[in-house]
Amino acid sequence: MEASSVDIKETIPASRKLQREDAEALLAKASKMTVSKGKKVQEFKGGKAATDEAVDAMLGSTGNLRAPAVVVGKTLLIGFNEEVYSGVFG
C-alpha cells in the first residue's frame, strides 16, 4: 500500500474477528464489491442491491470476514488478487 501512496485510515487487528453482521454493514455502505479467492474473482453490487450470496462470498469457512478487506471510496475489496489491486491502486 505504501508503494502506491495509499493512506490507511483504520487497521483492525486479526485478533478482532469480524462476523456476518460486520460484513453486512460494510457491504451496505459500498456501491460495489470485488471478492478474490485465489485466481477466482467475483463482482457484486452493494448497498440496497446486496444479496445473501454476496455476504456469503465475504466470509471464510469459519464464518469470519475474509482478509484482507479494503474499502476504497464506495468500493469494497475482499481477499487479494494482484490484478484487482493493480487496477484500483495503479
PDB file of N, CA and C in Angstrom:
ATOM      1  N   MET A   1       0.822  -1.183   0.000  1.00  0.00           N
ATOM      2  CA  MET A   1       0.000   0.000   0.000  1.00  0.00           C
ATOM      3  C   MET A   1       0.874   1.258   0.000  1.00  0.00           C
ATOM      4  N   GLU A   2       1.978   1.197   0.735  1.00  0.00           N
ATOM      5  CA  GLU A   2       2.850   2.363   0.804  1.00  0.00           C
ATOM      6  C   GLU A   2       3.422   2.711  -0.563  1.00  0.00           C
ATOM      7  N   ALA A   3       3.713   1.693  -1.372  1.00  0.00           N
ATOM      8  CA  ALA A   3       4.286   1.931  -2.696  1.00  0.00           C
ATOM      9  C   ALA A   3       3.330   2.706  -3.593  1.00  0.00           C
ATOM     10  N   SER A   4       2.040   2.590  -3.341  1.00  0.00           N
ATOM     11  CA  SER A   4       1.032   3.297  -4.135  1.00  0.00           C
ATOM     12  C   SER A   4       0.570   4.580  -3.470  1.00  0.00           C
ATOM     13  N   SER A   5       1.243   4.979  -2.409  1.00  0.00           N
ATOM     14  CA  SER A   5       0.884   6.187  -1.651  1.00  0.00           C
ATOM     15  C   SER A   5      -0.558   6.139  -1.147  1.00  0.00           C
ATOM     16  N   VAL A   6      -0.967   5.001  -0.605  1.00  0.00           N
ATOM     17  CA  VAL A   6      -2.304   4.832  -0.071  1.00  0.00           C
ATOM     18  C   VAL A   6      -2.288   5.211   1.399  1.00  0.00           C
ATOM     19  N   ASP A   7      -3.210   6.058   1.797  1.00  0.00           N
ATOM     20  CA  ASP A   7      -3.340   6.490   3.182  1.00  0.00           C
ATOM     21  C   ASP A   7      -4.289   5.537   3.898  1.00  0.00           C
ATOM     22  N   ILE A   8      -3.778   4.769   4.855  1.00  0.00           N
ATOM     23  CA  ILE A   8      -4.585   3.812   5.603  1.00  0.00           C
ATOM     24  C   ILE A   8      -5.204   4.534   6.784  1.00  0.00           C
ATOM     25  N   LYS A   9      -6.541   4.562   6.825  1.00  0.00           N
ATOM     26  CA  LYS A   9      -7.246   5.300   7.880  1.00  0.00           C
ATOM     27  C   LYS A   9      -7.534   4.439   9.096  1.00  0.00           C
ATOM     28  N   GLU A  10      -7.734   3.140   8.900  1.00  0.00           N
ATOM     29  CA  GLU A  10      -8.050   2.263  10.018  1.00  0.00           C
ATOM     30  C   GLU A  10      -7.505   0.875   9.736  1.00  0.00           C
ATOM     31  N   THR A  11      -6.874   0.298  10.736  1.00  0.00           N
ATOM     32  CA  THR A  11      -6.401  -1.074  10.662  1.00  0.00           C
ATOM     33  C   THR A  11      -7.037  -1.835  11.815  1.00  0.00           C
ATOM     34  N   ILE A  12      -7.607  -2.987  11.507  1.00  0.00           N
ATOM     35  CA  ILE A  12      -8.238  -3.809  12.538  1.00  0.00           C
ATOM     36  C   ILE A  12      -7.369  -5.048  12.715  1.00  0.00           C
ATOM     37  N   PRO A  13      -6.917  -5.323  13.929  1.00  0.00           N
ATOM     38  CA  PRO A  13      -6.047  -6.485  14.148  1.00  0.00           C
ATOM     39  C   PRO A  13      -6.784  -7.794  13.882  1.00  0.00           C
ATOM     40  N   ALA A  14      -6.028  -8.795  13.477  1.00  0.00           N
ATOM     41  CA  ALA A  14      -6.609 -10.100  13.160  1.00  0.00           C
ATOM     42  C   ALA A  14      -7.256 -10.747  14.375  1.00  0.00           C
ATOM     43  N   SER A  15      -6.849 -10.348  15.563  1.00  0.00           N
ATOM     44  CA  SER A  15      -7.432 -10.922  16.777  1.00  0.00           C
ATOM     45  C   SER A  15      -8.892 -10.493  16.957  1.00  0.00           C
ATOM     46  N   ARG A  16      -9.299  -9.422  16.307  1.00  0.00           N
ATOM     47  CA  ARG A  16     -10.700  -8.978  16.349  1.00  0.00           C
ATOM     48  C   ARG A  16     -11.426  -9.598  15.159  1.00  0.00           C
ATOM     49  N   LYS A  17     -12.193 -10.611  15.421  1.00  0.00           N
ATOM     50  CA  LYS A  17     -12.890 -11.344  14.365  1.00  0.00           C
ATOM     51  C   LYS A  17     -14.155 -10.609  13.953  1.00  0.00           C
ATOM     52  N   LEU A  18     -14.280 -10.320  12.676  1.00  0.00           N
ATOM     53  CA  LEU A  18     -15.473  -9.660  12.149  1.00  0.00           C
ATOM     54  C   LEU A  18     -16.415 -10.734  11.624  1.00  0.00           C
ATOM     55  N   GLN A  19     -17.661 -10.671  12.042  1.00  0.00           N
ATOM     56  CA  GLN A  19     -18.658 -11.685  11.742  1.00  0.00           C
ATOM     57  C   GLN A  19     -19.573 -11.250  10.590  1.00  0.00           C
ATOM     58  N   ARG A  20     -20.613 -12.032  10.348  1.00  0.00           N
ATOM     59  CA  ARG A  20     -21.563 -11.770   9.273  1.00  0.00           C
ATOM     60  C   ARG A  20     -22.194 -10.373   9.388  1.00  0.00           C
ATOM     61  N   GLU A  21     -22.557  -9.980  10.594  1.00  0.00           N
ATOM     62  CA  GLU A  21     -23.189  -8.670  10.785  1.00  0.00           C
ATOM     63  C   GLU A  21     -22.237  -7.540  10.361  1.00  0.00           C
ATOM     64  N   ASP A  22     -20.952  -7.703  10.669  1.00  0.00           N
ATOM     65  CA  ASP A  22     -19.948  -6.712  10.273  1.00  0.00           C
ATOM     66  C   ASP A  22     -19.819  -6.668   8.751  1.00  0.00           C
ATOM     67  N   ALA A  23     -19.837  -7.848   8.125  1.00  0.00           N
ATOM     68  CA  ALA A  23     -19.743  -7.927   6.669  1.00  0.00           C
ATOM     69  C   ALA A  23     -20.950  -7.252   6.020  1.00  0.00           C
ATOM     70  N   GLU A  24     -22.141  -7.501   6.562  1.00  0.00           N
ATOM     71  CA  GLU A  24     -23.355  -6.882   6.028  1.00  0.00           C
ATOM     72  C   GLU A  24     -23.283  -5.360   6.131  1.00  0.00           C
ATOM     73  N   ALA A  25     -22.761  -4.849   7.249  1.00  0.00           N
ATOM     74  CA  ALA A  25     -22.648  -3.406   7.447  1.00  0.00           C
ATOM     75  C   ALA A  25     -21.668  -2.790   6.445  1.00  0.00           C
ATOM     76  N   LEU A  26     -20.551  -3.457   6.199  1.00  0.00           N
ATOM     77  CA  LEU A  26     -19.581  -2.964   5.215  1.00  0.00           C
ATOM     78  C   LEU A  26     -20.195  -2.932   3.818  1.00  0.00           C
ATOM     79  N   LEU A  27     -20.875  -4.008   3.453  1.00  0.00           N
ATOM     80  CA  LEU A  27     -21.462  -4.099   2.121  1.00  0.00           C
ATOM     81  C   LEU A  27     -22.590  -3.087   1.930  1.00  0.00           C
ATOM     82  N   ALA A  28     -23.319  -2.789   2.985  1.00  0.00           N
ATOM     83  CA  ALA A  28     -24.413  -1.814   2.895  1.00  0.00           C
ATOM     84  C   ALA A  28     -23.899  -0.424   2.535  1.00  0.00           C
ATOM     85  N   LYS A  29     -22.669  -0.112   2.932  1.00  0.00           N
ATOM     86  CA  LYS A  29     -22.075   1.201   2.663  1.00  0.00           C
ATOM     87  C   LYS A  29     -21.394   1.276   1.298  1.00  0.00           C
ATOM     88  N   ALA A  30     -21.191   0.139   0.659  1.00  0.00           N
ATOM     89  CA  ALA A  30     -20.472   0.092  -0.620  1.00  0.00           C
ATOM     90  C   ALA A  30     -21.444   0.105  -1.797  1.00  0.00           C
ATOM     91  N   SER A  31     -20.980   0.606  -2.943  1.00  0.00           N
ATOM     92  CA  SER A  31     -21.798   0.536  -4.149  1.00  0.00           C
ATOM     93  C   SER A  31     -21.464  -0.716  -4.960  1.00  0.00           C
ATOM     94  N   LYS A  32     -20.219  -1.196  -4.804  1.00  0.00           N
ATOM     95  CA  LYS A  32     -19.838  -2.441  -5.464  1.00  0.00           C
ATOM     96  C   LYS A  32     -18.763  -3.133  -4.650  1.00  0.00           C
ATOM     97  N   MET A  33     -18.614  -4.434  -4.885  1.00  0.00           N
ATOM     98  CA  MET A  33     -17.644  -5.232  -4.155  1.00  0.00           C
ATOM     99  C   MET A  33     -16.988  -6.229  -5.090  1.00  0.00           C
ATOM    100  N   THR A  34     -15.703  -6.431  -4.895  1.00  0.00           N
ATOM    101  CA  THR A  34     -14.955  -7.457  -5.606  1.00  0.00           C
ATOM    102  C   THR A  34     -14.415  -8.436  -4.578  1.00  0.00           C
ATOM    103  N   VAL A  35     -14.708  -9.724  -4.777  1.00  0.00           N
ATOM    104  CA  VAL A  35     -14.223 -10.767  -3.880  1.00  0.00           C
ATOM    105  C   VAL A  35     -13.238 -11.620  -4.665  1.00  0.00           C
ATOM    106  N   SER A  36     -12.028 -11.755  -4.112  1.00  0.00           N
ATOM    107  CA  SER A  36     -10.979 -12.557  -4.742  1.00  0.00           C
ATOM    108  C   SER A  36     -10.667 -13.756  -3.862  1.00  0.00           C
ATOM    109  N   LYS A  37     -10.717 -14.921  -4.481  1.00  0.00           N
ATOM    110  CA  LYS A  37     -10.330 -16.169  -3.807  1.00  0.00           C
ATOM    111  C   LYS A  37      -9.355 -16.856  -4.745  1.00  0.00           C
ATOM    112  N   GLY A  38      -8.063 -16.621  -4.524  1.00  0.00           N
ATOM    113  CA  GLY A  38      -7.050 -17.133  -5.441  1.00  0.00           C
ATOM    114  C   GLY A  38      -7.189 -16.416  -6.774  1.00  0.00           C
ATOM    115  N   LYS A  39      -7.316 -17.165  -7.859  1.00  0.00           N
ATOM    116  CA  LYS A  39      -7.473 -16.545  -9.179  1.00  0.00           C
ATOM    117  C   LYS A  39      -8.929 -16.256  -9.519  1.00  0.00           C
ATOM    118  N   LYS A  40      -9.854 -16.760  -8.691  1.00  0.00           N
ATOM    119  CA  LYS A  40     -11.288 -16.542  -8.925  1.00  0.00           C
ATOM    120  C   LYS A  40     -11.675 -15.162  -8.400  1.00  0.00           C
ATOM    121  N   VAL A  41     -12.291 -14.353  -9.255  1.00  0.00           N
ATOM    122  CA  VAL A  41     -12.720 -13.004  -8.890  1.00  0.00           C
ATOM    123  C   VAL A  41     -14.207 -12.874  -9.195  1.00  0.00           C
ATOM    124  N   GLN A  42     -14.974 -12.408  -8.203  1.00  0.00           N
ATOM    125  CA  GLN A  42     -16.412 -12.209  -8.377  1.00  0.00           C
ATOM    126  C   GLN A  42     -16.754 -10.760  -8.079  1.00  0.00           C
ATOM    127  N   GLU A  43     -17.697 -10.210  -8.833  1.00  0.00           N
ATOM    128  CA  GLU A  43     -18.181  -8.841  -8.645  1.00  0.00           C
ATOM    129  C   GLU A  43     -19.609  -8.907  -8.093  1.00  0.00           C
ATOM    130  N   PHE A  44     -19.896  -8.031  -7.139  1.00  0.00           N
ATOM    131  CA  PHE A  44     -21.231  -7.952  -6.549  1.00  0.00           C
ATOM    132  C   PHE A  44     -21.631  -6.492  -6.397  1.00  0.00           C
ATOM    133  N   LYS A  45     -22.929  -6.254  -6.361  1.00  0.00           N
ATOM    134  CA  LYS A  45     -23.445  -4.914  -6.069  1.00  0.00           C
ATOM    135  C   LYS A  45     -23.581  -4.780  -4.561  1.00  0.00           C
ATOM    136  N   GLY A  46     -23.424  -3.570  -4.077  1.00  0.00           N
ATOM    137  CA  GLY A  46     -23.569  -3.302  -2.646  1.00  0.00           C
ATOM    138  C   GLY A  46     -24.824  -2.505  -2.372  1.00  0.00           C
ATOM    139  N   GLY A  47     -24.856  -1.880  -1.213  1.00  0.00           N
ATOM    140  CA  GLY A  47     -25.999  -1.056  -0.838  1.00  0.00           C
ATOM    141  C   GLY A  47     -27.275  -1.866  -0.738  1.00  0.00           C
ATOM    142  N   LYS A  48     -28.374  -1.289  -1.211  1.00  0.00           N
ATOM    143  CA  LYS A  48     -29.675  -1.953  -1.137  1.00  0.00           C
ATOM    144  C   LYS A  48     -29.771  -3.145  -2.089  1.00  0.00           C
ATOM    145  N   ALA A  49     -28.876  -3.205  -3.081  1.00  0.00           N
ATOM    146  CA  ALA A  49     -28.888  -4.304  -4.045  1.00  0.00           C
ATOM    147  C   ALA A  49     -28.077  -5.510  -3.568  1.00  0.00           C
ATOM    148  N   ALA A  50     -27.476  -5.425  -2.378  1.00  0.00           N
ATOM    149  CA  ALA A  50     -26.651  -6.514  -1.847  1.00  0.00           C
ATOM    150  C   ALA A  50     -27.497  -7.765  -1.620  1.00  0.00           C
ATOM    151  N   THR A  51     -26.899  -8.913  -1.883  1.00  0.00           N
ATOM    152  CA  THR A  51     -27.597 -10.190  -1.739  1.00  0.00           C
ATOM    153  C   THR A  51     -26.934 -11.027  -0.648  1.00  0.00           C
ATOM    154  N   ASP A  52     -27.641 -12.065  -0.212  1.00  0.00           N
ATOM    155  CA  ASP A  52     -27.056 -13.009   0.746  1.00  0.00           C
ATOM    156  C   ASP A  52     -25.851 -13.708   0.126  1.00  0.00           C
ATOM    157  N   GLU A  53     -25.910 -13.962  -1.176  1.00  0.00           N
ATOM    158  CA  GLU A  53     -24.788 -14.594  -1.881  1.00  0.00           C
ATOM    159  C   GLU A  53     -23.533 -13.729  -1.771  1.00  0.00           C
ATOM    160  N   ALA A  54     -23.689 -12.414  -1.873  1.00  0.00           N
ATOM    161  CA  ALA A  54     -22.550 -11.500  -1.754  1.00  0.00           C
ATOM    162  C   ALA A  54     -21.964 -11.557  -0.354  1.00  0.00           C
ATOM    163  N   VAL A  55     -22.812 -11.552   0.654  1.00  0.00           N
ATOM    164  CA  VAL A  55     -22.328 -11.620   2.034  1.00  0.00           C
ATOM    165  C   VAL A  55     -21.638 -12.960   2.277  1.00  0.00           C
ATOM    166  N   ASP A  56     -22.214 -14.045   1.778  1.00  0.00           N
ATOM    167  CA  ASP A  56     -21.597 -15.367   1.924  1.00  0.00           C
ATOM    168  C   ASP A  56     -20.200 -15.394   1.307  1.00  0.00           C
ATOM    169  N   ALA A  57     -20.021 -14.711   0.173  1.00  0.00           N
ATOM    170  CA  ALA A  57     -18.727 -14.683  -0.507  1.00  0.00           C
ATOM    171  C   ALA A  57     -17.673 -13.938   0.312  1.00  0.00           C
ATOM    172  N   MET A  58     -18.116 -13.045   1.179  1.00  0.00           N
ATOM    173  CA  MET A  58     -17.203 -12.262   2.014  1.00  0.00           C
ATOM    174  C   MET A  58     -16.636 -13.064   3.177  1.00  0.00           C
ATOM    175  N   LEU A  59     -17.295 -14.151   3.527  1.00  0.00           N
ATOM    176  CA  LEU A  59     -16.950 -14.908   4.723  1.00  0.00           C
ATOM    177  C   LEU A  59     -16.117 -16.136   4.398  1.00  0.00           C
ATOM    178  N   GLY A  60     -15.179 -16.433   5.289  1.00  0.00           N
ATOM    179  CA  GLY A  60     -14.374 -17.632   5.148  1.00  0.00           C
ATOM    180  C   GLY A  60     -15.096 -18.829   5.737  1.00  0.00           C
ATOM    181  N   SER A  61     -14.419 -19.962   5.766  1.00  0.00           N
ATOM    182  CA  SER A  61     -15.029 -21.201   6.262  1.00  0.00           C
ATOM    183  C   SER A  61     -15.368 -21.139   7.748  1.00  0.00           C
ATOM    184  N   THR A  62     -14.722 -20.248   8.492  1.00  0.00           N
ATOM    185  CA  THR A  62     -15.002 -20.098   9.923  1.00  0.00           C
ATOM    186  C   THR A  62     -16.174 -19.161  10.197  1.00  0.00           C
ATOM    187  N   GLY A  63     -16.671 -18.503   9.150  1.00  0.00           N
ATOM    188  CA  GLY A  63     -17.762 -17.548   9.316  1.00  0.00           C
ATOM    189  C   GLY A  63     -17.294 -16.137   9.595  1.00  0.00           C
ATOM    190  N   ASN A  64     -15.978 -15.939   9.583  1.00  0.00           N
ATOM    191  CA  ASN A  64     -15.408 -14.608   9.786  1.00  0.00           C
ATOM    192  C   ASN A  64     -15.138 -13.936   8.449  1.00  0.00           C
ATOM    193  N   LEU A  65     -15.089 -12.601   8.468  1.00  0.00           N
ATOM    194  CA  LEU A  65     -14.781 -11.830   7.275  1.00  0.00           C
ATOM    195  C   LEU A  65     -13.399 -12.220   6.757  1.00  0.00           C
ATOM    196  N   ARG A  66     -13.306 -12.487   5.459  1.00  0.00           N
ATOM    197  CA  ARG A  66     -12.032 -12.851   4.845  1.00  0.00           C
ATOM    198  C   ARG A  66     -11.111 -11.643   4.820  1.00  0.00           C
ATOM    199  N   ALA A  67      -9.820 -11.908   4.853  1.00  0.00           N
ATOM    200  CA  ALA A  67      -8.822 -10.840   4.831  1.00  0.00           C
ATOM    201  C   ALA A  67      -7.992 -10.940   3.564  1.00  0.00           C
ATOM    202  N   PRO A  68      -7.465  -9.848   3.091  1.00  0.00           N
ATOM    203  CA  PRO A  68      -7.733  -8.502   3.586  1.00  0.00           C
ATOM    204  C   PRO A  68      -9.093  -7.998   3.104  1.00  0.00           C
ATOM    205  N   ALA A  69      -9.639  -7.066   3.862  1.00  0.00           N
ATOM    206  CA  ALA A  69     -10.866  -6.367   3.473  1.00  0.00           C
ATOM    207  C   ALA A  69     -10.495  -4.889   3.390  1.00  0.00           C
ATOM    208  N   VAL A  70     -10.666  -4.307   2.211  1.00  0.00           N
ATOM    209  CA  VAL A  70     -10.225  -2.938   1.966  1.00  0.00           C
ATOM    210  C   VAL A  70     -11.391  -2.128   1.416  1.00  0.00           C
ATOM    211  N   VAL A  71     -11.593  -0.945   1.981  1.00  0.00           N
ATOM    212  CA  VAL A  71     -12.613  -0.027   1.491  1.00  0.00           C
ATOM    213  C   VAL A  71     -11.891   1.100   0.755  1.00  0.00           C
ATOM    214  N   VAL A  72     -12.224   1.270  -0.526  1.00  0.00           N
ATOM    215  CA  VAL A  72     -11.647   2.337  -1.344  1.00  0.00           C
ATOM    216  C   VAL A  72     -12.816   3.148  -1.893  1.00  0.00           C
ATOM    217  N   GLY A  73     -13.081   4.293  -1.267  1.00  0.00           N
ATOM    218  CA  GLY A  73     -14.259   5.077  -1.656  1.00  0.00           C
ATOM    219  C   GLY A  73     -15.510   4.267  -1.396  1.00  0.00           C
ATOM    220  N   LYS A  74     -16.289   3.994  -2.437  1.00  0.00           N
ATOM    221  CA  LYS A  74     -17.518   3.197  -2.335  1.00  0.00           C
ATOM    222  C   LYS A  74     -17.308   1.767  -2.831  1.00  0.00           C
ATOM    223  N   THR A  75     -16.037   1.377  -3.025  1.00  0.00           N
ATOM    224  CA  THR A  75     -15.702   0.036  -3.493  1.00  0.00           C
ATOM    225  C   THR A  75     -15.125  -0.781  -2.347  1.00  0.00           C
ATOM    226  N   LEU A  76     -15.557  -2.009  -2.235  1.00  0.00           N
ATOM    227  CA  LEU A  76     -15.097  -2.918  -1.197  1.00  0.00           C
ATOM    228  C   LEU A  76     -14.325  -4.049  -1.867  1.00  0.00           C
ATOM    229  N   LEU A  77     -13.102  -4.282  -1.408  1.00  0.00           N
ATOM    230  CA  LEU A  77     -12.269  -5.370  -1.924  1.00  0.00           C
ATOM    231  C   LEU A  77     -12.092  -6.397  -0.815  1.00  0.00           C
ATOM    232  N   ILE A  78     -12.441  -7.644  -1.106  1.00  0.00           N
ATOM    233  CA  ILE A  78     -12.311  -8.728  -0.142  1.00  0.00           C
ATOM    234  C   ILE A  78     -11.363  -9.758  -0.731  1.00  0.00           C
ATOM    235  N   GLY A  79     -10.366 -10.175   0.050  1.00  0.00           N
ATOM    236  CA  GLY A  79      -9.366 -11.107  -0.446  1.00  0.00           C
ATOM    237  C   GLY A  79      -8.332 -10.363  -1.272  1.00  0.00           C
ATOM    238  N   PHE A  80      -7.341 -11.099  -1.759  1.00  0.00           N
ATOM    239  CA  PHE A  80      -6.278 -10.450  -2.525  1.00  0.00           C
ATOM    240  C   PHE A  80      -6.127 -11.085  -3.896  1.00  0.00           C
ATOM    241  N   ASN A  81      -6.053 -10.217  -4.902  1.00  0.00           N
ATOM    242  CA  ASN A  81      -5.734 -10.609  -6.268  1.00  0.00           C
ATOM    243  C   ASN A  81      -4.912  -9.458  -6.842  1.00  0.00           C
ATOM    244  N   GLU A  82      -3.704  -9.742  -7.272  1.00  0.00           N
ATOM    245  CA  GLU A  82      -2.796  -8.685  -7.711  1.00  0.00           C
ATOM    246  C   GLU A  82      -3.369  -7.848  -8.851  1.00  0.00           C
ATOM    247  N   GLU A  83      -4.054  -8.479  -9.794  1.00  0.00           N
ATOM    248  CA  GLU A  83      -4.640  -7.728 -10.907  1.00  0.00           C
ATOM    249  C   GLU A  83      -5.715  -6.749 -10.416  1.00  0.00           C
ATOM    250  N   VAL A  84      -6.539  -7.184  -9.496  1.00  0.00           N
ATOM    251  CA  VAL A  84      -7.595  -6.328  -8.958  1.00  0.00           C
ATOM    252  C   VAL A  84      -6.978  -5.145  -8.233  1.00  0.00           C
ATOM    253  N   TYR A  85      -5.997  -5.409  -7.373  1.00  0.00           N
ATOM    254  CA  TYR A  85      -5.349  -4.321  -6.630  1.00  0.00           C
ATOM    255  C   TYR A  85      -4.611  -3.372  -7.560  1.00  0.00           C
ATOM    256  N   SER A  86      -3.975  -3.899  -8.586  1.00  0.00           N
ATOM    257  CA  SER A  86      -3.282  -3.031  -9.562  1.00  0.00           C
ATOM    258  C   SER A  86      -4.273  -2.113 -10.261  1.00  0.00           C
ATOM    259  N   GLY A  87      -5.450  -2.630 -10.575  1.00  0.00           N
ATOM    260  CA  GLY A  87      -6.471  -1.819 -11.230  1.00  0.00           C
ATOM    261  C   GLY A  87      -7.008  -0.727 -10.340  1.00  0.00           C
ATOM    262  N   VAL A  88      -7.069  -0.966  -9.049  1.00  0.00           N
ATOM    263  CA  VAL A  88      -7.608   0.010  -8.104  1.00  0.00           C
ATOM    264  C   VAL A  88      -6.539   0.999  -7.657  1.00  0.00           C
ATOM    265  N   PHE A  89      -5.351   0.495  -7.373  1.00  0.00           N
ATOM    266  CA  PHE A  89      -4.296   1.329  -6.811  1.00  0.00           C
ATOM    267  C   PHE A  89      -3.254   1.773  -7.836  1.00  0.00           C
ATOM    268  N   GLY A  90      -3.379   1.290  -9.073  1.00  0.00           N
ATOM    269  CA  GLY A  90      -2.486   1.704 -10.150  1.00  0.00           C
ATOM    270  C   GLY A  90      -1.098   1.358  -9.914  1.00  0.00           C
TER     271      GLY A  90
END
